[in-house]
Amino acid sequence: MNIEILLVAIFTSISCSIIGVFLVLRKMSMLTDAISHTALLGIVIAYMFIPDLSSPFLIIGATIMGLITVYLVELLVKTKRTNNDAATGVVFPFLFAISIILINTLFKNTHLDIDAVLLGKIEFVVFDRLILFGMDIGPKSLYIILFITILLITMSTLFYKEIKLVIFDKSLAVTLGISVTFIHYMIITGASLTAVAAFDIVGSILVIALMVGPAATALQYSKSLFRTLLIAVAIGIFNSSLGYFLAYTFNLSISGSISTITLLSFLVAMITAPSKGIISTIMRQHKQKNDFNLLALLFHIYNHSYITEHMKPIPYELLSVELKWSESKFTSVFTNAVKNEYLKNKDKNLQLTKDGLDFVRNKHYKYFKEEIE
C-alpha cells in the first residue's frame, strides 16, 4: 500500500466534492463533464506555444478553455433556441473533437495519451516527484491538488453567504447588490481548476464521478448547504479510501474501484436516506395511507353520531359496508383506532372517545379552518 497515492486520491475527492455541491445545486453538473473534456483543448493549445508538459501554462490554458466552454454554452442558451443541456451537449463534443484531431495530427510522437486523460492513471503519480532544494518531498500531483483544495476551502469560506444566496435566491442576491456574474464565474473557475488538476491524476471519467457522486449522495441526507458540504467531503474521503483499499487488496484499477464505490454509496443513500430514501418514502406513504383511513373512519362515525338528526350510534357490522371497505381493511383500521383510544365499542355500537372527538375536531379545523361542536 502506498500512502502517497491514497493522499492524492483523498485530496482529489475533497476538492471535487466541494465544487461538486455548488454545481449540482445550480443544476450545472453536466458542465463537469464538458469542462473535464474541453480542458484538453486548452492544454493542447498551450502546448503549441510552450512545448513543455510540466509547464504551469498548460493548467492556465486548460482553465481558460473551461471558462470559454461555459461562455459558449451560455451564448447558445441566450439565443432561446436551445436549453442548457442541449447547448452543453453541442459545445463540449465539438471542442473535445478538435483537441483529439490536433493531438493525432500535430503531436503523434508527444506524450499526450488520450486514454490516460480519459481513464486516468493515479498509480503513476508517485513517479513524478517534486524536488525542492535537492530533497524529494513527494509527488507533484499531491501538492497541486492540495493547493486547489485549500483554494476551494478559502473561496467557500470567504464567499459562503454570497454563494448560498446566488444558489437559492438569485433575485434576493441581485437586490442586495451581490454580483451574480462574479459568483457564477468564480464557481466555474474553481470547477475548471479542479477538473484540470484532477483529470491529469484520475482521468476525466473519475473527475465526473467525484464531483457529482458525493454531492448527490450528501443531498439525500441534508438540506443545509453547510452540512451538505461537510457530508459530501466525508463521503468523498470514504469512497476514495475504500476504493483504494479494495483496489490494493484485489489488484484492481484504483480509478475503477473508486468509481464503483461512489455509485454504490449513492445507491445505498438513495435507498436508506431518512427523509428522501426509498425505504423512508415507502414507510411514509404507508403511514399517510393508514392515517387517511383512520381519519375517514372517525369522520364517518362522527358525522353519523353527532351531525345527523337522530344521532344514532352506528353498528359495527354496518360500518364496513357503508365505507365500502373489505373486511380485512376495516379490521386493520378499526384495530388502529382502538389502539390509539379514539374508539370504543359499546354494546356493539361504535362511539368516539374524548380523545377521538378532539382528534376529529382538530383535523377538521386544520383542513377546513372552522371549528365543529
Protein backbone atom coordinates (compact mmCIF):
# COMPACT_ATOMS: atom_id res chain seq x y z
CA MET A 1 0.00 0.00 0.00
CA ASN A 2 1.28 3.45 -0.94
CA ILE A 3 0.17 6.27 1.36
CA GLU A 4 1.08 8.90 -1.27
CA ILE A 5 -1.42 7.52 -3.77
CA LEU A 6 -4.08 7.36 -1.06
CA LEU A 7 -3.46 11.00 -0.05
CA VAL A 8 -3.69 12.14 -3.67
CA ALA A 9 -7.00 10.28 -4.03
CA ILE A 10 -8.36 11.76 -0.78
CA PHE A 11 -7.47 15.38 -1.58
CA THR A 12 -8.80 14.96 -5.13
CA SER A 13 -12.08 13.75 -3.66
CA ILE A 14 -12.24 16.66 -1.21
CA SER A 15 -11.73 19.30 -3.90
CA CYS A 16 -14.15 17.64 -6.32
CA SER A 17 -16.78 17.20 -3.59
CA ILE A 18 -16.69 20.87 -2.57
CA ILE A 19 -17.09 22.29 -6.06
CA GLY A 20 -19.44 19.46 -6.99
CA VAL A 21 -22.00 20.53 -4.37
CA PHE A 22 -22.21 24.00 -5.92
CA LEU A 23 -22.51 22.61 -9.45
CA VAL A 24 -25.19 20.07 -8.55
CA LEU A 25 -27.25 22.62 -6.60
CA ARG A 26 -27.07 25.03 -9.55
CA LYS A 27 -28.08 22.17 -11.88
CA MET A 28 -24.81 22.50 -13.75
CA SER A 29 -23.42 19.00 -13.18
CA MET A 30 -23.37 18.37 -16.93
CA LEU A 31 -20.79 21.16 -17.20
CA THR A 32 -18.44 19.00 -15.14
CA ASP A 33 -18.35 16.53 -17.99
CA ALA A 34 -17.90 19.33 -20.52
CA ILE A 35 -15.07 21.10 -18.69
CA SER A 36 -13.20 17.88 -17.92
CA HIS A 37 -13.12 17.11 -21.65
CA THR A 38 -12.65 20.55 -23.21
CA ALA A 39 -9.79 21.34 -20.83
CA LEU A 40 -7.75 19.01 -23.03
CA LEU A 41 -8.05 21.53 -25.88
CA GLY A 42 -6.65 24.25 -23.59
CA ILE A 43 -3.70 22.01 -22.78
CA VAL A 44 -3.06 21.25 -26.45
CA ILE A 45 -3.22 24.92 -27.50
CA ALA A 46 -0.93 25.95 -24.63
CA TYR A 47 1.48 23.16 -25.60
CA MET A 48 1.59 24.53 -29.15
CA PHE A 49 3.18 27.73 -27.82
CA ILE A 50 5.10 26.25 -24.87
CA PRO A 51 6.11 22.64 -25.70
CA ASP A 52 6.73 21.58 -22.11
CA LEU A 53 4.33 19.13 -20.45
CA SER A 54 5.46 20.26 -16.99
CA SER A 55 4.75 23.94 -17.68
CA PRO A 56 2.14 25.62 -15.44
CA PHE A 57 0.86 27.45 -18.53
CA LEU A 58 -0.84 24.21 -19.56
CA ILE A 59 -3.03 24.44 -16.46
CA ILE A 60 -3.75 28.10 -17.18
CA GLY A 61 -4.71 27.25 -20.76
CA ALA A 62 -6.98 24.43 -19.63
CA THR A 63 -8.68 26.68 -17.05
CA ILE A 64 -9.29 29.39 -19.64
CA MET A 65 -10.75 26.81 -22.02
CA GLY A 66 -13.13 25.71 -19.26
CA LEU A 67 -14.37 29.30 -18.94
CA ILE A 68 -14.68 29.56 -22.73
CA THR A 69 -16.76 26.38 -22.72
CA VAL A 70 -19.21 27.84 -20.19
CA TYR A 71 -19.36 31.13 -22.09
CA LEU A 72 -20.17 29.36 -25.37
CA VAL A 73 -22.87 27.29 -23.70
CA GLU A 74 -24.45 30.39 -22.18
CA LEU A 75 -24.20 32.16 -25.53
CA LEU A 76 -26.25 29.39 -27.16
CA VAL A 77 -28.77 29.37 -24.31
CA LYS A 78 -29.29 33.14 -24.63
CA THR A 79 -30.48 32.67 -28.19
CA LYS A 80 -33.53 30.94 -26.62
CA ARG A 81 -33.39 28.31 -29.33
CA THR A 82 -31.98 25.60 -27.08
CA ASN A 83 -31.76 24.70 -23.40
CA ASN A 84 -28.67 24.39 -21.21
CA ASP A 85 -28.23 20.60 -21.51
CA ALA A 86 -28.59 20.62 -25.29
CA ALA A 87 -26.14 23.52 -25.63
CA THR A 88 -23.62 21.71 -23.43
CA GLY A 89 -24.06 18.56 -25.50
CA VAL A 90 -23.23 20.52 -28.65
CA VAL A 91 -20.27 22.58 -27.40
CA PHE A 92 -18.13 20.10 -25.50
CA PRO A 93 -18.01 17.28 -28.11
CA PHE A 94 -17.01 19.90 -30.70
CA LEU A 95 -14.16 21.31 -28.61
CA PHE A 96 -13.05 17.87 -27.44
CA ALA A 97 -13.01 16.59 -31.03
CA ILE A 98 -10.76 19.49 -32.05
CA SER A 99 -8.28 18.54 -29.32
CA ILE A 100 -8.25 14.90 -30.46
CA ILE A 101 -7.67 15.96 -34.08
CA LEU A 102 -4.79 18.26 -33.05
CA ILE A 103 -3.15 15.53 -30.98
CA ASN A 104 -3.42 12.94 -33.74
CA THR A 105 -2.14 15.29 -36.46
CA LEU A 106 0.43 17.55 -34.76
CA PHE A 107 1.61 15.64 -31.70
CA LYS A 108 1.75 11.99 -32.70
CA ASN A 109 5.14 11.50 -31.08
CA THR A 110 4.38 13.50 -27.96
CA HIS A 111 3.34 12.04 -24.62
CA LEU A 112 -0.24 13.27 -24.73
CA ASP A 113 -2.04 10.00 -24.06
CA ILE A 114 -5.79 10.23 -24.76
CA ASP A 115 -6.55 7.03 -22.84
CA ALA A 116 -4.72 8.31 -19.76
CA VAL A 117 -6.66 11.56 -19.95
CA LEU A 118 -10.00 9.73 -20.06
CA LEU A 119 -9.33 6.84 -17.69
CA GLY A 120 -6.54 8.25 -15.52
CA LYS A 121 -3.52 6.54 -14.04
CA ILE A 122 -3.43 7.56 -10.41
CA GLU A 123 -0.92 4.75 -9.79
CA PHE A 124 1.70 6.71 -11.74
CA VAL A 125 1.62 9.88 -9.61
CA VAL A 126 4.41 8.51 -7.43
CA PHE A 127 6.87 8.67 -10.37
CA ASP A 128 6.50 12.42 -10.96
CA ARG A 129 8.34 13.79 -7.91
CA LEU A 130 8.71 17.32 -6.57
CA ILE A 131 12.35 18.07 -5.82
CA LEU A 132 12.91 21.09 -3.59
CA PHE A 133 16.45 22.17 -2.65
CA GLY A 134 17.68 18.74 -3.67
CA MET A 135 15.14 16.98 -1.45
CA ASP A 136 12.36 14.70 -2.65
CA ILE A 137 9.22 15.93 -0.82
CA GLY A 138 6.62 13.80 -2.59
CA PRO A 139 4.55 13.61 -5.77
CA LYS A 140 3.92 16.87 -7.64
CA SER A 141 0.25 15.92 -8.04
CA LEU A 142 -0.21 15.82 -4.27
CA TYR A 143 0.89 19.42 -3.82
CA ILE A 144 -1.06 20.64 -6.83
CA ILE A 145 -4.32 19.09 -5.66
CA LEU A 146 -3.60 20.18 -2.06
CA PHE A 147 -3.23 23.78 -3.29
CA ILE A 148 -6.52 23.51 -5.22
CA THR A 149 -8.26 22.09 -2.13
CA ILE A 150 -7.03 24.92 0.09
CA LEU A 151 -8.07 27.44 -2.58
CA LEU A 152 -11.61 25.98 -2.76
CA ILE A 153 -11.98 25.88 1.03
CA THR A 154 -10.85 29.52 1.21
CA MET A 155 -13.27 30.52 -1.56
CA SER A 156 -16.16 28.68 0.09
CA THR A 157 -15.41 30.28 3.46
CA LEU A 158 -14.95 33.86 2.26
CA PHE A 159 -17.93 33.87 -0.12
CA TYR A 160 -20.18 31.37 1.66
CA LYS A 161 -23.13 33.76 2.15
CA GLU A 162 -22.89 35.12 -1.38
CA ILE A 163 -22.69 31.64 -2.92
CA LYS A 164 -25.63 30.48 -0.81
CA LEU A 165 -27.79 33.41 -1.91
CA VAL A 166 -26.89 33.03 -5.58
CA ILE A 167 -27.71 29.30 -5.46
CA PHE A 168 -31.01 29.50 -3.59
CA ASP A 169 -32.34 33.03 -4.24
CA LYS A 170 -30.74 34.80 -7.16
CA SER A 171 -33.31 37.64 -7.09
CA LEU A 172 -32.51 38.45 -3.46
CA ALA A 173 -28.79 38.33 -4.24
CA VAL A 174 -29.27 40.90 -7.02
CA THR A 175 -31.40 43.06 -4.71
CA LEU A 176 -28.66 43.02 -2.06
CA GLY A 177 -26.08 44.13 -4.63
CA ILE A 178 -24.25 40.82 -4.95
CA SER A 179 -22.63 40.29 -8.32
CA VAL A 180 -24.27 37.09 -9.55
CA THR A 181 -21.99 37.03 -12.60
CA PHE A 182 -18.86 37.22 -10.43
CA ILE A 183 -20.03 34.39 -8.15
CA HIS A 184 -21.07 32.32 -11.16
CA TYR A 185 -17.71 32.58 -12.90
CA MET A 186 -15.85 32.15 -9.62
CA ILE A 187 -17.57 28.78 -9.20
CA ILE A 188 -16.86 27.90 -12.83
CA THR A 189 -13.20 28.89 -12.44
CA GLY A 190 -12.97 26.68 -9.36
CA ALA A 191 -14.57 23.84 -11.32
CA SER A 192 -12.13 24.35 -14.20
CA LEU A 193 -9.08 24.39 -11.93
CA THR A 194 -10.29 21.29 -10.11
CA ALA A 195 -11.09 19.44 -13.32
CA VAL A 196 -7.73 20.32 -14.86
CA ALA A 197 -5.77 19.34 -11.77
CA ALA A 198 -7.79 16.18 -11.21
CA PHE A 199 -8.06 14.77 -14.70
CA ASP A 200 -4.28 14.52 -15.02
CA ILE A 201 -4.38 12.42 -11.86
CA VAL A 202 -7.54 10.31 -12.10
CA GLY A 203 -8.87 10.96 -15.62
CA SER A 204 -11.91 12.86 -16.77
CA ILE A 205 -14.36 9.99 -16.13
CA LEU A 206 -13.49 9.72 -12.44
CA VAL A 207 -13.49 13.52 -12.13
CA ILE A 208 -17.16 13.49 -13.13
CA ALA A 209 -17.91 10.71 -10.63
CA LEU A 210 -16.09 12.51 -7.80
CA MET A 211 -17.80 15.83 -8.49
CA VAL A 212 -21.34 14.55 -8.91
CA GLY A 213 -21.41 11.38 -6.77
CA PRO A 214 -20.59 12.67 -3.25
CA ALA A 215 -22.65 15.84 -3.80
CA ALA A 216 -25.71 13.90 -4.97
CA THR A 217 -25.29 11.44 -2.10
CA ALA A 218 -24.95 14.20 0.52
CA LEU A 219 -28.11 15.90 -0.73
CA GLN A 220 -30.03 12.74 0.19
CA TYR A 221 -29.16 13.39 3.84
CA SER A 222 -29.24 17.17 4.26
CA LYS A 223 -31.00 20.32 3.08
CA SER A 224 -28.46 22.68 4.69
CA LEU A 225 -25.67 23.88 2.39
CA PHE A 226 -23.05 23.79 5.15
CA ARG A 227 -23.99 20.28 6.28
CA THR A 228 -24.20 19.13 2.67
CA LEU A 229 -20.63 20.32 2.07
CA LEU A 230 -19.36 18.50 5.16
CA ILE A 231 -21.23 15.30 4.33
CA ALA A 232 -20.08 15.41 0.69
CA VAL A 233 -16.44 15.78 1.77
CA ALA A 234 -16.81 12.91 4.26
CA ILE A 235 -18.43 10.70 1.62
CA GLY A 236 -15.71 11.61 -0.90
CA ILE A 237 -12.98 10.64 1.58
CA PHE A 238 -14.78 7.39 2.42
CA ASN A 239 -15.29 6.46 -1.25
CA SER A 240 -11.67 7.16 -2.17
CA SER A 241 -10.23 5.35 0.84
CA LEU A 242 -12.41 2.26 0.49
CA GLY A 243 -11.94 2.21 -3.29
CA TYR A 244 -8.17 2.38 -2.90
CA PHE A 245 -8.05 -0.39 -0.26
CA LEU A 246 -10.23 -2.67 -2.40
CA ALA A 247 -8.05 -1.99 -5.44
CA TYR A 248 -4.90 -2.69 -3.42
CA THR A 249 -6.32 -5.86 -1.85
CA PHE A 250 -7.75 -7.40 -5.02
CA ASN A 251 -5.28 -5.93 -7.55
CA LEU A 252 -7.90 -3.81 -9.32
CA SER A 253 -7.88 -0.45 -11.08
CA ILE A 254 -7.90 2.30 -8.45
CA SER A 255 -9.98 4.68 -10.56
CA GLY A 256 -12.46 1.92 -11.38
CA SER A 257 -12.76 0.88 -7.73
CA ILE A 258 -13.35 4.44 -6.53
CA SER A 259 -15.97 4.99 -9.25
CA THR A 260 -17.76 1.77 -8.27
CA ILE A 261 -17.79 2.65 -4.57
CA THR A 262 -19.07 6.14 -5.46
CA LEU A 263 -22.01 4.60 -7.31
CA LEU A 264 -22.71 2.06 -4.55
CA SER A 265 -22.66 4.74 -1.84
CA PHE A 266 -25.18 6.79 -3.81
CA LEU A 267 -27.45 3.75 -4.26
CA VAL A 268 -27.26 3.00 -0.52
CA ALA A 269 -28.16 6.62 0.26
CA MET A 270 -30.99 6.55 -2.27
CA ILE A 271 -32.43 3.50 -0.52
CA THR A 272 -31.76 4.29 3.15
CA ALA A 273 -31.74 8.12 3.47
CA PRO A 274 -34.02 9.09 6.40
CA SER A 275 -36.17 11.62 4.54
CA LYS A 276 -35.64 11.03 0.79
CA GLY A 277 -34.71 7.35 0.69
CA ILE A 278 -36.86 4.71 -0.97
CA ILE A 279 -37.46 2.86 2.32
CA SER A 280 -38.46 6.01 4.21
CA THR A 281 -40.67 7.12 1.29
CA ILE A 282 -42.49 3.77 1.26
CA MET A 283 -42.91 3.89 5.06
CA ARG A 284 -44.14 7.50 4.90
CA GLN A 285 -46.65 6.68 2.17
CA HIS A 286 -47.84 3.68 4.16
CA LYS A 287 -48.29 5.83 7.25
CA GLN A 288 -50.12 8.51 5.28
CA LYS A 289 -52.44 5.86 3.88
CA ASN A 290 -53.13 4.49 7.37
CA ASP A 291 -53.69 7.99 8.76
CA PHE A 292 -56.10 8.81 5.96
CA ASN A 293 -58.07 5.61 6.51
CA LEU A 294 -58.18 6.26 10.25
CA LEU A 295 -59.40 9.81 9.68
CA ALA A 296 -62.04 8.60 7.19
CA LEU A 297 -63.35 6.09 9.74
CA LEU A 298 -63.50 8.62 12.57
CA PHE A 299 -65.11 11.31 10.40
CA HIS A 300 -67.75 8.84 9.24
CA ILE A 301 -68.59 7.84 12.79
CA TYR A 302 -68.62 11.47 13.91
CA ASN A 303 -70.94 12.52 11.08
CA HIS A 304 -73.27 9.59 11.77
CA SER A 305 -73.38 10.04 15.52
CA TYR A 306 -73.16 13.81 16.03
CA ILE A 307 -74.24 15.54 12.83
CA THR A 308 -77.29 13.56 11.71
CA GLU A 309 -80.66 14.48 13.13
CA HIS A 310 -81.31 11.32 15.15
CA MET A 311 -77.74 10.93 16.38
CA LYS A 312 -77.80 7.12 16.43
CA PRO A 313 -74.58 5.23 17.15
CA ILE A 314 -73.53 3.24 14.13
CA PRO A 315 -73.46 -0.58 14.43
CA TYR A 316 -70.12 -2.28 13.97
CA GLU A 317 -71.49 -4.68 11.33
CA LEU A 318 -72.70 -1.88 9.02
CA LEU A 319 -69.61 0.31 9.07
CA SER A 320 -67.50 -1.63 6.58
CA VAL A 321 -70.48 -1.79 4.20
CA GLU A 322 -71.10 1.97 4.37
CA LEU A 323 -67.41 2.75 3.84
CA LYS A 324 -67.20 0.15 1.03
CA TRP A 325 -64.10 -1.38 2.60
CA SER A 326 -63.08 -5.01 2.64
CA GLU A 327 -63.39 -6.81 5.92
CA SER A 328 -59.63 -7.08 6.34
CA LYS A 329 -59.08 -3.36 5.66
CA PHE A 330 -61.84 -2.36 8.07
CA THR A 331 -60.49 -4.67 10.79
CA SER A 332 -56.99 -3.19 10.42
CA VAL A 333 -58.20 0.43 10.58
CA PHE A 334 -60.61 -0.33 13.45
CA THR A 335 -57.83 -2.02 15.45
CA ASN A 336 -55.62 1.04 14.89
CA ALA A 337 -58.37 3.37 16.12
CA VAL A 338 -58.98 1.30 19.26
CA LYS A 339 -55.24 1.06 19.91
CA ASN A 340 -55.00 4.87 19.84
CA GLU A 341 -58.06 5.06 22.14
CA TYR A 342 -60.10 7.01 19.60
CA LEU A 343 -62.99 4.49 19.55
CA LYS A 344 -64.93 2.35 21.97
CA ASN A 345 -67.27 -0.47 21.09
CA LYS A 346 -70.22 -0.16 23.48
CA ASP A 347 -72.92 -2.78 23.08
CA LYS A 348 -71.75 -3.39 19.50
CA ASN A 349 -72.23 0.32 18.70
CA LEU A 350 -69.15 2.36 17.90
CA GLN A 351 -68.65 5.65 19.70
CA LEU A 352 -65.84 8.18 19.75
CA THR A 353 -63.89 8.64 22.95
CA LYS A 354 -62.96 12.10 24.22
CA ASP A 355 -59.57 11.73 22.52
CA GLY A 356 -61.32 10.68 19.32
CA LEU A 357 -63.60 13.72 19.41
CA ASP A 358 -60.64 16.04 19.99
CA PHE A 359 -58.75 14.37 17.14
CA VAL A 360 -61.64 14.80 14.69
CA ARG A 361 -62.23 18.43 15.69
CA ASN A 362 -58.55 19.32 15.39
CA LYS A 363 -58.26 17.70 11.97
CA HIS A 364 -61.47 19.37 10.80
CA TYR A 365 -60.14 22.77 11.81
CA LYS A 366 -56.75 22.03 10.21
CA TYR A 367 -58.27 21.14 6.84
CA PHE A 368 -61.38 23.37 6.76
CA LYS A 369 -60.34 26.23 9.10
CA GLU A 370 -63.57 26.04 11.04
CA GLU A 371 -64.49 24.62 14.42
CA ILE A 372 -67.14 21.96 14.94
CA GLU A 373 -69.03 21.14 18.08
